[in-house]
Amino acid sequence: MLLTLLVMLALFVVIALYAVTVYNHLVRLKHNVAKAWSNIDIALKQRHDELPKLVAVCQQYMQYEQETLERVIRARGAVFEAGQLGDARGLGAAESELRLGLGQLFALAENYPNLKADESFRQLGQRISQLEETIADRRELYNESANLNNVRIEQFPDVLIARLFAFRPADLLEFSAERADVDVRALFG
């Protein structure tokens, strides 16, 4: 009887230790997702601060391209709002719109030799390109963290702990503009 009680107690301790280990791992994954999101947010804010400068430089030369400039400004606001809300799906849609607007803006800049020659325009274009690369790298890290989190909370027996403590899946951050073919005629039309 004492042996049975000791075996039961040992089994309980092993199960409790396993549950604690799983819980701690899930917490670590959840915080890695949050950290990765924060890193994206930093790069988005840096780009957010650079875009008005780019638009201001462009406005000096592009008197007839107000629609494109306004599209970039609207998309910039939508990206900022979605980022503040932590809405990965909304951010993906807004980011796609912003990327299309920036692509059109840089394509239209080809029609303005004085703008292309402007030192501020070139520096801002390079800075925004660097930030785009940073955002892409950080998005890759975020999606990897989100995927690890999502897989772990669906695996058995971890799913039992995840449901018990209400761990939620993280949305992947996808930009639909990257999957779409570019309409070159529309950019230059």
N, C-alpha and C. Protein backbone atom coordinates (compact mmCIF):
# COMPACT_ATOMS: atom_id res chain seq x y z
N MET A 1 0.83 -1.18 0.00
CA MET A 1 0.00 0.00 0.00
C MET A 1 0.88 1.26 0.00
N LEU A 2 1.93 1.26 0.81
CA LEU A 2 2.85 2.38 0.87
C LEU A 2 3.58 2.54 -0.46
N LEU A 3 3.92 1.42 -1.08
CA LEU A 3 4.58 1.44 -2.37
C LEU A 3 3.67 2.05 -3.43
N THR A 4 2.41 1.68 -3.42
CA THR A 4 1.43 2.23 -4.36
C THR A 4 1.29 3.74 -4.16
N LEU A 5 1.23 4.17 -2.92
CA LEU A 5 1.12 5.59 -2.61
C LEU A 5 2.36 6.35 -3.10
N LEU A 6 3.54 5.79 -2.92
CA LEU A 6 4.76 6.42 -3.38
C LEU A 6 4.82 6.50 -4.91
N VAL A 7 4.38 5.44 -5.57
CA VAL A 7 4.35 5.43 -7.03
C VAL A 7 3.37 6.49 -7.53
N MET A 8 2.20 6.59 -6.90
CA MET A 8 1.20 7.58 -7.29
C MET A 8 1.74 9.00 -7.06
N LEU A 9 2.39 9.21 -5.94
CA LEU A 9 2.96 10.51 -5.63
C LEU A 9 4.07 10.87 -6.63
N ALA A 10 4.92 9.93 -6.96
CA ALA A 10 5.98 10.16 -7.93
C ALA A 10 5.40 10.47 -9.32
N LEU A 11 4.35 9.76 -9.71
CA LEU A 11 3.69 10.01 -10.98
C LEU A 11 3.07 11.41 -11.00
N PHE A 12 2.46 11.79 -9.91
CA PHE A 12 1.86 13.13 -9.80
C PHE A 12 2.94 14.21 -9.93
N VAL A 13 4.06 14.02 -9.26
CA VAL A 13 5.16 14.99 -9.31
C VAL A 13 5.70 15.10 -10.74
N VAL A 14 5.87 13.98 -11.43
CA VAL A 14 6.36 13.99 -12.81
C VAL A 14 5.37 14.73 -13.71
N ILE A 15 4.10 14.45 -13.58
CA ILE A 15 3.08 15.13 -14.40
C ILE A 15 3.05 16.62 -14.09
N ALA A 16 3.14 16.98 -12.83
CA ALA A 16 3.13 18.40 -12.44
C ALA A 16 4.36 19.11 -13.00
N LEU A 17 5.52 18.50 -12.92
CA LEU A 17 6.74 19.10 -13.47
C LEU A 17 6.64 19.25 -14.98
N TYR A 18 6.09 18.26 -15.64
CA TYR A 18 5.92 18.35 -17.10
C TYR A 18 4.96 19.49 -17.45
N ALA A 19 3.87 19.61 -16.72
CA ALA A 19 2.89 20.68 -16.98
C ALA A 19 3.53 22.05 -16.77
N VAL A 20 4.33 22.20 -15.73
CA VAL A 20 5.00 23.47 -15.47
C VAL A 20 5.99 23.78 -16.60
N THR A 21 6.71 22.78 -17.05
CA THR A 21 7.67 22.96 -18.14
C THR A 21 6.96 23.40 -19.43
N VAL A 22 5.87 22.74 -19.74
CA VAL A 22 5.09 23.10 -20.93
C VAL A 22 4.56 24.52 -20.81
N TYR A 23 4.00 24.84 -19.67
CA TYR A 23 3.45 26.19 -19.44
C TYR A 23 4.55 27.25 -19.63
N ASN A 24 5.70 27.03 -19.03
CA ASN A 24 6.80 27.99 -19.15
C ASN A 24 7.27 28.14 -20.60
N HIS A 25 7.29 27.05 -21.32
CA HIS A 25 7.68 27.12 -22.73
C HIS A 25 6.64 27.91 -23.54
N LEU A 26 5.38 27.70 -23.27
CA LEU A 26 4.33 28.44 -23.96
C LEU A 26 4.40 29.94 -23.65
N VAL A 27 4.70 30.26 -22.42
CA VAL A 27 4.86 31.67 -22.03
C VAL A 27 6.03 32.29 -22.79
N ARG A 28 7.13 31.57 -22.88
CA ARG A 28 8.31 32.05 -23.60
C ARG A 28 7.96 32.29 -25.08
N LEU A 29 7.24 31.37 -25.69
CA LEU A 29 6.84 31.54 -27.10
C LEU A 29 5.93 32.75 -27.27
N LYS A 30 4.99 32.93 -26.36
CA LYS A 30 4.07 34.07 -26.43
C LYS A 30 4.84 35.38 -26.35
N HIS A 31 5.81 35.45 -25.48
CA HIS A 31 6.60 36.67 -25.33
C HIS A 31 7.56 36.88 -26.50
N ASN A 32 8.03 35.82 -27.11
CA ASN A 32 8.84 35.95 -28.33
C ASN A 32 8.03 36.56 -29.46
N VAL A 33 6.77 36.17 -29.57
CA VAL A 33 5.88 36.75 -30.59
C VAL A 33 5.70 38.24 -30.31
N ALA A 34 5.45 38.59 -29.06
CA ALA A 34 5.26 40.00 -28.70
C ALA A 34 6.53 40.82 -28.97
N LYS A 35 7.68 40.25 -28.66
CA LYS A 35 8.95 40.93 -28.90
C LYS A 35 9.18 41.13 -30.40
N ALA A 36 8.89 40.11 -31.18
CA ALA A 36 9.06 40.22 -32.64
C ALA A 36 8.12 41.28 -33.21
N TRP A 37 6.89 41.34 -32.68
CA TRP A 37 5.93 42.37 -33.13
C TRP A 37 6.47 43.75 -32.78
N SER A 38 7.02 43.89 -31.60
CA SER A 38 7.57 45.17 -31.17
C SER A 38 8.72 45.61 -32.08
N ASN A 39 9.55 44.66 -32.50
CA ASN A 39 10.65 44.98 -33.41
C ASN A 39 10.14 45.46 -34.76
N ILE A 40 9.06 44.88 -35.25
CA ILE A 40 8.45 45.35 -36.50
C ILE A 40 7.91 46.76 -36.29
N ASP A 41 7.25 46.96 -35.16
CA ASP A 41 6.65 48.25 -34.86
C ASP A 41 7.69 49.37 -34.85
N ILE A 42 8.87 49.09 -34.33
CA ILE A 42 9.93 50.10 -34.31
C ILE A 42 10.32 50.51 -35.73
N ALA A 43 10.51 49.54 -36.60
CA ALA A 43 10.88 49.84 -37.99
C ALA A 43 9.74 50.57 -38.71
N LEU A 44 8.50 50.16 -38.44
CA LEU A 44 7.36 50.85 -39.06
C LEU A 44 7.28 52.30 -38.61
N LYS A 45 7.55 52.56 -37.34
CA LYS A 45 7.52 53.94 -36.85
C LYS A 45 8.64 54.76 -37.47
N GLN A 46 9.81 54.16 -37.65
CA GLN A 46 10.91 54.89 -38.29
C GLN A 46 10.53 55.26 -39.72
N ARG A 47 9.94 54.32 -40.43
CA ARG A 47 9.52 54.62 -41.81
C ARG A 47 8.38 55.63 -41.80
N HIS A 48 7.48 55.49 -40.84
CA HIS A 48 6.35 56.42 -40.68
C HIS A 48 6.87 57.86 -40.57
N ASP A 49 7.97 58.04 -39.86
CA ASP A 49 8.54 59.37 -39.68
C ASP A 49 9.23 59.88 -40.94
N GLU A 50 9.71 59.00 -41.78
CA GLU A 50 10.42 59.41 -43.00
C GLU A 50 9.48 59.74 -44.16
N LEU A 51 8.32 59.11 -44.20
CA LEU A 51 7.42 59.28 -45.35
C LEU A 51 6.94 60.72 -45.54
N PRO A 52 6.56 61.47 -44.49
CA PRO A 52 6.16 62.86 -44.73
C PRO A 52 7.27 63.71 -45.34
N LYS A 53 8.51 63.41 -44.99
CA LYS A 53 9.64 64.14 -45.56
C LYS A 53 9.73 63.85 -47.06
N LEU A 54 9.55 62.58 -47.41
CA LEU A 54 9.60 62.20 -48.82
C LEU A 54 8.46 62.87 -49.60
N VAL A 55 7.27 62.85 -49.05
CA VAL A 55 6.12 63.47 -49.71
C VAL A 55 6.36 64.97 -49.87
N ALA A 56 6.92 65.61 -48.84
CA ALA A 56 7.17 67.05 -48.91
C ALA A 56 8.16 67.38 -50.03
N VAL A 57 9.21 66.59 -50.16
CA VAL A 57 10.17 66.81 -51.24
C VAL A 57 9.49 66.61 -52.59
N CYS A 58 8.69 65.56 -52.69
CA CYS A 58 8.00 65.27 -53.96
C CYS A 58 7.01 66.37 -54.33
N GLN A 59 6.33 66.92 -53.35
CA GLN A 59 5.33 67.95 -53.63
C GLN A 59 5.96 69.18 -54.28
N GLN A 60 7.22 69.44 -53.99
CA GLN A 60 7.90 70.59 -54.59
C GLN A 60 8.03 70.44 -56.11
N TYR A 61 8.07 69.20 -56.58
CA TYR A 61 8.30 68.94 -58.00
C TYR A 61 7.07 68.38 -58.71
N MET A 62 6.24 67.65 -58.01
CA MET A 62 5.14 66.90 -58.64
C MET A 62 3.81 67.61 -58.41
N GLN A 63 3.57 68.69 -59.11
CA GLN A 63 2.33 69.43 -58.90
C GLN A 63 1.09 68.65 -59.36
N TYR A 64 1.25 67.76 -60.32
CA TYR A 64 0.09 67.09 -60.90
C TYR A 64 -0.11 65.67 -60.40
N GLU A 65 0.61 65.29 -59.38
CA GLU A 65 0.55 63.91 -58.88
C GLU A 65 -0.03 63.84 -57.46
N GLN A 66 -0.95 64.75 -57.14
CA GLN A 66 -1.50 64.83 -55.79
C GLN A 66 -2.20 63.53 -55.37
N GLU A 67 -2.85 62.86 -56.30
CA GLU A 67 -3.57 61.62 -55.96
C GLU A 67 -2.60 60.56 -55.43
N THR A 68 -1.46 60.43 -56.07
CA THR A 68 -0.47 59.45 -55.63
C THR A 68 0.08 59.83 -54.26
N LEU A 69 0.39 61.10 -54.06
CA LEU A 69 0.91 61.55 -52.77
C LEU A 69 -0.11 61.33 -51.66
N GLU A 70 -1.37 61.63 -51.95
CA GLU A 70 -2.43 61.43 -50.94
C GLU A 70 -2.62 59.94 -50.64
N ARG A 71 -2.47 59.10 -51.65
CA ARG A 71 -2.59 57.65 -51.44
C ARG A 71 -1.51 57.17 -50.46
N VAL A 72 -0.30 57.66 -50.63
CA VAL A 72 0.80 57.29 -49.74
C VAL A 72 0.50 57.76 -48.32
N ILE A 73 0.00 58.98 -48.19
CA ILE A 73 -0.30 59.53 -46.84
C ILE A 73 -1.42 58.74 -46.18
N ARG A 74 -2.47 58.41 -46.93
CA ARG A 74 -3.59 57.63 -46.35
C ARG A 74 -3.11 56.25 -45.92
N ALA A 75 -2.33 55.61 -46.77
CA ALA A 75 -1.83 54.27 -46.44
C ALA A 75 -0.89 54.34 -45.24
N ARG A 76 -0.09 55.38 -45.15
CA ARG A 76 0.80 55.56 -44.00
C ARG A 76 -0.01 55.61 -42.71
N GLY A 77 -1.11 56.35 -42.73
CA GLY A 77 -1.98 56.44 -41.55
C GLY A 77 -2.60 55.10 -41.19
N ALA A 78 -3.01 54.35 -42.21
CA ALA A 78 -3.62 53.03 -41.96
C ALA A 78 -2.60 52.05 -41.39
N VAL A 79 -1.35 52.10 -41.87
CA VAL A 79 -0.30 51.23 -41.34
C VAL A 79 -0.05 51.58 -39.87
N PHE A 80 0.04 52.87 -39.58
CA PHE A 80 0.29 53.29 -38.20
C PHE A 80 -0.83 52.83 -37.28
N GLU A 81 -2.07 53.02 -37.71
CA GLU A 81 -3.22 52.63 -36.87
C GLU A 81 -3.25 51.12 -36.62
N ALA A 82 -3.06 50.33 -37.67
CA ALA A 82 -3.06 48.87 -37.51
C ALA A 82 -1.91 48.41 -36.62
N GLY A 83 -0.76 49.05 -36.75
CA GLY A 83 0.38 48.71 -35.91
C GLY A 83 0.11 49.01 -34.44
N GLN A 84 -0.55 50.15 -34.18
CA GLN A 84 -0.88 50.51 -32.81
C GLN A 84 -1.87 49.54 -32.19
N LEU A 85 -2.77 49.01 -33.01
CA LEU A 85 -3.78 48.06 -32.53
C LEU A 85 -3.23 46.64 -32.43
N GLY A 86 -2.05 46.40 -33.00
CA GLY A 86 -1.50 45.05 -33.00
C GLY A 86 -2.28 44.12 -33.92
N ASP A 87 -2.88 44.68 -34.95
CA ASP A 87 -3.72 43.93 -35.88
C ASP A 87 -2.89 43.48 -37.08
N ALA A 88 -2.42 42.24 -37.04
CA ALA A 88 -1.54 41.73 -38.09
C ALA A 88 -2.25 41.70 -39.45
N ARG A 89 -3.50 41.31 -39.48
CA ARG A 89 -4.22 41.26 -40.77
C ARG A 89 -4.43 42.66 -41.33
N GLY A 90 -4.86 43.58 -40.47
CA GLY A 90 -5.06 44.96 -40.92
C GLY A 90 -3.75 45.60 -41.35
N LEU A 91 -2.68 45.29 -40.63
CA LEU A 91 -1.37 45.82 -40.98
C LEU A 91 -0.93 45.28 -42.33
N GLY A 92 -1.16 44.01 -42.57
CA GLY A 92 -0.78 43.43 -43.85
C GLY A 92 -1.49 44.10 -45.02
N ALA A 93 -2.78 44.36 -44.87
CA ALA A 93 -3.55 45.02 -45.93
C ALA A 93 -3.07 46.46 -46.12
N ALA A 94 -2.89 47.18 -45.02
CA ALA A 94 -2.46 48.58 -45.12
C ALA A 94 -1.04 48.67 -45.68
N GLU A 95 -0.19 47.75 -45.27
CA GLU A 95 1.19 47.73 -45.75
C GLU A 95 1.22 47.46 -47.26
N SER A 96 0.35 46.59 -47.72
CA SER A 96 0.27 46.30 -49.17
C SER A 96 -0.11 47.56 -49.93
N GLU A 97 -1.08 48.29 -49.41
CA GLU A 97 -1.53 49.53 -50.05
C GLU A 97 -0.40 50.56 -50.06
N LEU A 98 0.32 50.66 -48.95
CA LEU A 98 1.43 51.61 -48.87
C LEU A 98 2.53 51.25 -49.87
N ARG A 99 2.84 49.98 -49.95
CA ARG A 99 3.89 49.55 -50.88
C ARG A 99 3.50 49.84 -52.33
N LEU A 100 2.23 49.65 -52.66
CA LEU A 100 1.78 49.98 -54.02
C LEU A 100 1.90 51.48 -54.27
N GLY A 101 1.50 52.27 -53.27
CA GLY A 101 1.60 53.72 -53.41
C GLY A 101 3.03 54.20 -53.55
N LEU A 102 3.93 53.63 -52.75
CA LEU A 102 5.34 54.01 -52.85
C LEU A 102 5.93 53.58 -54.19
N GLY A 103 5.54 52.40 -54.65
CA GLY A 103 6.01 51.95 -55.96
C GLY A 103 5.58 52.89 -57.06
N GLN A 104 4.33 53.33 -56.98
CA GLN A 104 3.83 54.27 -57.97
C GLN A 104 4.54 55.62 -57.84
N LEU A 105 4.77 56.06 -56.62
CA LEU A 105 5.46 57.33 -56.40
C LEU A 105 6.87 57.31 -56.99
N PHE A 106 7.62 56.24 -56.72
CA PHE A 106 8.97 56.16 -57.26
C PHE A 106 8.96 56.01 -58.78
N ALA A 107 7.95 55.33 -59.32
CA ALA A 107 7.85 55.22 -60.78
C ALA A 107 7.54 56.57 -61.40
N LEU A 108 6.66 57.34 -60.77
CA LEU A 108 6.33 58.67 -61.29
C LEU A 108 7.52 59.62 -61.17
N ALA A 109 8.35 59.42 -60.18
CA ALA A 109 9.52 60.28 -59.99
C ALA A 109 10.44 60.23 -61.20
N GLU A 110 10.38 59.12 -61.95
CA GLU A 110 11.19 59.01 -63.16
C GLU A 110 10.85 60.10 -64.17
N ASN A 111 9.62 60.64 -64.11
CA ASN A 111 9.19 61.69 -65.04
C ASN A 111 9.67 63.07 -64.62
N TYR A 112 10.34 63.17 -63.48
CA TYR A 112 10.76 64.46 -62.94
C TYR A 112 12.27 64.43 -62.70
N PRO A 113 13.06 64.80 -63.70
CA PRO A 113 14.52 64.75 -63.57
C PRO A 113 15.06 65.58 -62.41
N ASN A 114 14.44 66.73 -62.16
CA ASN A 114 14.91 67.58 -61.05
C ASN A 114 14.68 66.89 -59.71
N LEU A 115 13.57 66.18 -59.60
CA LEU A 115 13.27 65.44 -58.37
C LEU A 115 14.28 64.31 -58.18
N LYS A 116 14.53 63.56 -59.25
CA LYS A 116 15.49 62.45 -59.17
C LYS A 116 16.88 62.95 -58.78
N ALA A 117 17.21 64.17 -59.19
CA ALA A 117 18.52 64.72 -58.90
C ALA A 117 18.59 65.34 -57.50
N ASP A 118 17.46 65.56 -56.88
CA ASP A 118 17.43 66.20 -55.56
C ASP A 118 18.09 65.29 -54.52
N GLU A 119 19.06 65.82 -53.80
CA GLU A 119 19.82 65.05 -52.81
C GLU A 119 18.91 64.52 -51.69
N SER A 120 17.98 65.34 -51.24
CA SER A 120 17.05 64.90 -50.18
C SER A 120 16.20 63.73 -50.64
N PHE A 121 15.72 63.80 -51.87
CA PHE A 121 14.91 62.72 -52.42
C PHE A 121 15.71 61.42 -52.48
N ARG A 122 16.95 61.51 -52.97
CA ARG A 122 17.79 60.31 -53.06
C ARG A 122 18.08 59.73 -51.68
N GLN A 123 18.42 60.59 -50.72
CA GLN A 123 18.71 60.10 -49.37
C GLN A 123 17.47 59.48 -48.72
N LEU A 124 16.34 60.14 -48.87
CA LEU A 124 15.10 59.59 -48.30
C LEU A 124 14.72 58.28 -48.97
N GLY A 125 14.90 58.20 -50.28
CA GLY A 125 14.61 56.96 -50.99
C GLY A 125 15.48 55.81 -50.49
N GLN A 126 16.77 56.11 -50.28
CA GLN A 126 17.67 55.08 -49.75
C GLN A 126 17.29 54.68 -48.34
N ARG A 127 16.95 55.67 -47.51
CA ARG A 127 16.57 55.38 -46.12
C ARG A 127 15.31 54.52 -46.08
N ILE A 128 14.34 54.85 -46.91
CA ILE A 128 13.09 54.08 -46.93
C ILE A 128 13.36 52.67 -47.46
N SER A 129 14.23 52.55 -48.45
CA SER A 129 14.59 51.21 -48.95
C SER A 129 15.25 50.38 -47.87
N GLN A 130 16.14 50.99 -47.09
CA GLN A 130 16.78 50.28 -45.98
C GLN A 130 15.75 49.85 -44.95
N LEU A 131 14.80 50.73 -44.66
CA LEU A 131 13.76 50.39 -43.69
C LEU A 131 12.86 49.28 -44.22
N GLU A 132 12.61 49.27 -45.52
CA GLU A 132 11.81 48.19 -46.12
C GLU A 132 12.50 46.85 -45.92
N GLU A 133 13.82 46.83 -46.11
CA GLU A 133 14.58 45.59 -45.90
C GLU A 133 14.52 45.17 -44.43
N THR A 134 14.62 46.13 -43.54
CA THR A 134 14.54 45.85 -42.11
C THR A 134 13.18 45.28 -41.75
N ILE A 135 12.14 45.89 -42.29
CA ILE A 135 10.78 45.41 -42.02
C ILE A 135 10.62 43.99 -42.54
N ALA A 136 11.14 43.71 -43.72
CA ALA A 136 11.04 42.35 -44.28
C ALA A 136 11.76 41.34 -43.38
N ASP A 137 12.95 41.70 -42.91
CA ASP A 137 13.69 40.79 -42.03
C ASP A 137 12.95 40.56 -40.71
N ARG A 138 12.45 41.64 -40.16
CA ARG A 138 11.75 41.53 -38.87
C ARG A 138 10.41 40.80 -39.03
N ARG A 139 9.79 40.98 -40.19
CA ARG A 139 8.53 40.25 -40.43
C ARG A 139 8.80 38.76 -40.53
N GLU A 140 9.92 38.40 -41.13
CA GLU A 140 10.28 36.98 -41.22
C GLU A 140 10.47 36.40 -39.81
N LEU A 141 11.16 37.13 -38.95
CA LEU A 141 11.35 36.67 -37.57
C LEU A 141 10.03 36.60 -36.81
N TYR A 142 9.16 37.59 -37.03
CA TYR A 142 7.85 37.57 -36.37
C TYR A 142 7.05 36.35 -36.82
N ASN A 143 7.01 36.12 -38.12
CA ASN A 143 6.23 34.98 -38.63
C ASN A 143 6.79 33.65 -38.13
N GLU A 144 8.10 33.56 -37.99
CA GLU A 144 8.70 32.34 -37.44
C GLU A 144 8.28 32.16 -35.98
N SER A 145 8.32 33.24 -35.21
CA SER A 145 7.90 33.18 -33.81
C SER A 145 6.42 32.82 -33.70
N ALA A 146 5.61 33.44 -34.54
CA ALA A 146 4.17 33.15 -34.52
C ALA A 146 3.90 31.71 -34.91
N ASN A 147 4.62 31.21 -35.90
CA ASN A 147 4.43 29.83 -36.33
C ASN A 147 4.83 28.85 -35.23
N LEU A 148 5.98 29.09 -34.59
CA LEU A 148 6.39 28.21 -33.48
C LEU A 148 5.34 28.20 -32.37
N ASN A 149 4.82 29.37 -32.05
CA ASN A 149 3.77 29.48 -31.04
C ASN A 149 2.53 28.69 -31.46
N ASN A 150 2.10 28.89 -32.70
CA ASN A 150 0.87 28.26 -33.18
C ASN A 150 0.99 26.73 -33.22
N VAL A 151 2.13 26.25 -33.66
CA VAL A 151 2.34 24.80 -33.71
C VAL A 151 2.33 24.22 -32.31
N ARG A 152 3.02 24.87 -31.41
CA ARG A 152 3.13 24.34 -30.05
C ARG A 152 1.79 24.29 -29.33
N ILE A 153 0.95 25.32 -29.52
CA ILE A 153 -0.33 25.31 -28.79
C ILE A 153 -1.35 24.35 -29.41
N GLU A 154 -1.01 23.79 -30.57
CA GLU A 154 -1.90 22.80 -31.18
C GLU A 154 -1.42 21.37 -30.98
N GLN A 155 -0.17 21.18 -30.54
CA GLN A 155 0.36 19.84 -30.36
C GLN A 155 -0.15 19.22 -29.06
N PHE A 156 -0.36 17.91 -29.14
CA PHE A 156 -0.75 17.17 -27.94
C PHE A 156 0.50 16.73 -27.22
N PRO A 157 0.60 16.83 -25.97
CA PRO A 157 -0.37 17.22 -24.94
C PRO A 157 -0.35 18.70 -24.59
N ASP A 158 0.51 19.50 -25.28
CA ASP A 158 0.61 20.93 -24.97
C ASP A 158 -0.71 21.65 -25.16
N VAL A 159 -1.52 21.17 -26.09
CA VAL A 159 -2.81 21.79 -26.33
C VAL A 159 -3.67 21.81 -25.07
N LEU A 160 -3.51 20.82 -24.21
CA LEU A 160 -4.29 20.77 -22.97
C LEU A 160 -3.92 21.94 -22.05
N ILE A 161 -2.64 22.18 -21.90
CA ILE A 161 -2.17 23.30 -21.08
C ILE A 161 -2.54 24.63 -21.75
N ALA A 162 -2.36 24.70 -23.07
CA ALA A 162 -2.67 25.93 -23.80
C ALA A 162 -4.14 26.30 -23.65
N ARG A 163 -5.02 25.34 -23.77
CA ARG A 163 -6.45 25.64 -23.61
C ARG A 163 -6.79 25.99 -22.17
N LEU A 164 -6.19 25.29 -21.24
CA LEU A 164 -6.45 25.54 -19.83
C LEU A 164 -6.09 26.97 -19.44
N PHE A 165 -4.99 27.47 -20.00
CA PHE A 165 -4.54 28.82 -19.66
C PHE A 165 -4.81 29.84 -20.77
N ALA A 166 -5.65 29.50 -21.72
CA ALA A 166 -6.14 30.41 -22.77
C ALA A 166 -5.03 31.02 -23.62
N PHE A 167 -4.04 30.23 -24.00
CA PHE A 167 -3.04 30.69 -24.96
C PHE A 167 -3.70 30.76 -26.32
N ARG A 168 -3.45 31.83 -27.05
CA ARG A 168 -4.09 32.06 -28.35
C ARG A 168 -3.07 32.00 -29.48
N PRO A 169 -3.52 31.59 -30.65
CA PRO A 169 -2.61 31.62 -31.81
C PRO A 169 -2.33 33.06 -32.23
N ALA A 170 -1.20 33.26 -32.88
CA ALA A 170 -0.83 34.58 -33.40
C ALA A 170 -1.06 34.58 -34.91
N ASP A 171 -1.57 35.68 -35.41
CA ASP A 171 -1.76 35.82 -36.86
C ASP A 171 -0.41 36.03 -37.53
N LEU A 172 -0.24 35.42 -38.69
CA LEU A 172 0.95 35.67 -39.49
C LEU A 172 0.80 37.02 -40.17
N LEU A 173 1.90 37.69 -40.41
CA LEU A 173 1.90 38.99 -41.06
C LEU A 173 2.24 38.79 -42.53
N GLU A 174 1.22 38.99 -43.38
CA GLU A 174 1.39 38.78 -44.81
C GLU A 174 1.05 40.06 -45.55
N PHE A 175 1.81 40.37 -46.58
CA PHE A 175 1.56 41.52 -47.42
C PHE A 175 1.09 41.01 -48.78
N SER A 176 -0.15 41.28 -49.13
CA SER A 176 -0.70 40.73 -50.36
C SER A 176 -0.03 41.31 -51.60
N ALA A 177 0.54 42.49 -51.51
CA ALA A 177 1.19 43.10 -52.68
C ALA A 177 2.39 42.28 -53.13
N GLU A 178 3.00 41.54 -52.24
CA GLU A 178 4.15 40.73 -52.62
C GLU A 178 3.76 39.53 -53.47
N ARG A 179 2.55 39.08 -53.33
CA ARG A 179 2.10 37.92 -54.10
C ARG A 179 1.51 38.30 -55.44
N ALA A 180 1.10 39.55 -55.57
CA ALA A 180 0.44 39.99 -56.80
C ALA A 180 1.48 40.34 -57.85
N ASP A 181 1.12 40.12 -59.12
CA ASP A 181 1.97 40.56 -60.21
C ASP A 181 1.89 42.08 -60.30
N VAL A 182 2.98 42.70 -60.64
CA VAL A 182 3.03 44.14 -60.77
C VAL A 182 2.54 44.53 -62.15
N ASP A 183 1.59 45.46 -62.21
CA ASP A 183 1.08 45.98 -63.47
C ASP A 183 1.95 47.16 -63.86
N VAL A 184 2.96 46.91 -64.70
CA VAL A 184 3.92 47.93 -65.06
C VAL A 184 3.25 49.07 -65.81
N ARG A 185 2.28 48.76 -66.67
CA ARG A 185 1.58 49.82 -67.41
C ARG A 185 0.86 50.78 -66.47
N ALA A 186 0.27 50.24 -65.40
CA ALA A 186 -0.43 51.10 -64.44
C ALA A 186 0.55 52.02 -63.70
N LEU A 187 1.76 51.52 -63.43
CA LEU A 187 2.75 52.33 -62.74
C LEU A 187 3.23 53.49 -63.60
N PHE A 188 3.31 53.29 -64.90
CA PHE A 188 3.83 54.32 -65.78
C PHE A 188 2.73 55.03 -66.57
N GLY A 189 1.48 54.64 -66.32
CA GLY A 189 0.38 55.24 -67.09
C GLY A 189 -0.15 56.50 -66.52
